[in-house]
Protein backbone atom coordinates (compact mmCIF):
# COMPACT_ATOMS: atom_id res chain seq x y z
CA MET A 1 -23.85 29.13 -4.66
CA LEU A 2 -22.06 25.87 -3.92
CA LYS A 3 -19.20 24.84 -2.17
CA GLU A 4 -16.84 22.91 -3.40
CA LYS A 5 -16.47 19.10 -2.13
CA ASN A 6 -12.89 17.92 -1.72
CA THR A 7 -12.77 14.34 -1.41
CA VAL A 8 -10.65 12.32 0.58
CA ARG A 9 -9.57 9.07 1.22
CA VAL A 10 -8.38 6.85 4.12
CA SER A 11 -5.46 4.79 3.56
CA CYS A 12 -4.27 1.83 6.21
CA PHE A 13 -2.29 -1.04 6.53
CA ILE A 14 -4.06 -3.50 8.85
CA ASP A 15 -2.51 -6.65 10.80
CA ILE A 16 -5.90 -8.90 10.42
CA HIS A 17 -4.12 -11.71 12.57
CA PHE A 18 -4.02 -9.55 15.81
CA LYS A 19 -6.41 -6.90 14.23
CA HIS A 20 -4.50 -3.89 14.99
CA ILE A 21 -4.03 -0.73 12.31
CA LEU A 22 -0.62 -0.33 11.61
CA THR A 23 -0.11 2.64 10.04
CA THR A 24 -2.90 4.88 8.35
CA LYS A 25 -3.69 8.30 6.75
CA ILE A 26 -6.19 10.69 5.08
CA VAL A 27 -5.29 11.78 1.51
CA GLU A 28 -6.96 13.61 -1.01
CA THR A 29 -7.60 11.43 -4.06
CA THR A 30 -4.89 12.64 -6.28
CA VAL A 31 -2.39 11.02 -3.75
CA ASN A 32 -1.11 7.90 -6.02
CA GLU A 33 -1.66 4.70 -3.87
CA ILE A 34 1.70 3.27 -4.59
CA LYS A 35 3.61 6.35 -3.32
CA LEU A 36 1.36 5.91 -0.42
CA ALA A 37 2.09 2.32 -0.26
CA ILE A 38 5.86 2.65 -0.23
CA GLU A 39 5.56 5.47 2.25
CA TYR A 40 3.84 2.85 4.51
CA LEU A 41 6.23 0.18 4.20
CA GLU A 42 8.95 2.70 4.82
CA ASN A 43 7.48 4.10 8.07
CA LEU A 44 6.91 0.60 9.21
CA LYS A 45 10.49 -0.28 8.33
CA GLU A 46 11.41 2.09 11.17
CA ARG A 47 8.73 0.48 14.33
CA ILE A 48 9.00 -3.34 13.15
CA ASN A 49 10.83 -6.06 11.42
CA ILE A 50 9.09 -5.99 7.99
CA THR A 51 11.00 -9.33 7.12
CA LYS A 52 8.67 -11.25 8.67
CA LEU A 53 5.79 -8.91 7.08
CA PHE A 54 3.23 -10.37 4.47
CA THR A 55 1.61 -7.80 2.65
CA VAL A 56 -1.53 -8.76 0.45
CA TYR A 57 -2.53 -5.83 -2.19
CA ASP A 58 -5.48 -5.58 -3.62
CA ARG A 59 -5.91 -5.50 -7.21
CA GLY A 60 -5.92 -1.96 -8.04
CA TYR A 61 -2.07 -1.62 -7.37
CA LEU A 62 -0.15 -1.35 -10.56
CA PRO A 63 2.91 -3.90 -9.30
CA ILE A 64 6.23 -3.56 -10.75
CA GLU A 65 7.37 -0.30 -8.79
CA LEU A 66 5.47 -1.88 -5.03
CA MET A 67 6.99 -5.13 -5.90
CA MET A 68 10.47 -4.23 -6.21
CA LYS A 69 10.63 -1.67 -3.26
CA THR A 70 8.88 -4.68 -1.48
CA ILE A 71 11.90 -6.92 -2.05
CA ASP A 72 14.30 -4.56 -1.86
CA LEU A 73 13.25 -4.03 1.89
CA ASP A 74 13.28 -7.67 2.16
CA SER A 75 9.42 -7.94 2.90
CA LYS A 76 7.35 -10.60 1.11
CA PHE A 77 3.63 -9.65 -0.77
CA LEU A 78 0.88 -10.81 -3.02
CA ILE A 79 -0.91 -8.84 -5.15
CA GLN A 80 -3.56 -10.14 -7.68
CA LEU A 81 -2.83 -9.12 -11.20
CA PRO A 82 -4.71 -8.91 -14.10
CA LYS A 83 -4.57 -11.68 -16.43
CA ASN A 84 -2.23 -11.05 -19.26
CA ILE A 85 0.21 -7.80 -17.09
CA PHE A 86 3.23 -9.31 -18.00
CA ARG A 87 2.65 -9.76 -21.50
CA HIS A 88 3.59 -6.29 -22.44
């Protein structure tokens, strides 16, 4: 009898200048990455001044909700977007 495999993802915010993990979580692959990134930002806001934080997201993130939340928290970001994302 085969056992069911559990698939997980490790997600984290890393300070690349000082080489520190700021926050991390091991979650199931079904967890929404955007919601997780927003959770990280809110967590960091409680611990550090994120107005001086510059977050770089990979192109896997659909940006609108994440952009709005980051702007709302008065933080800065860079997201690599697909070529025609805002044409729709």
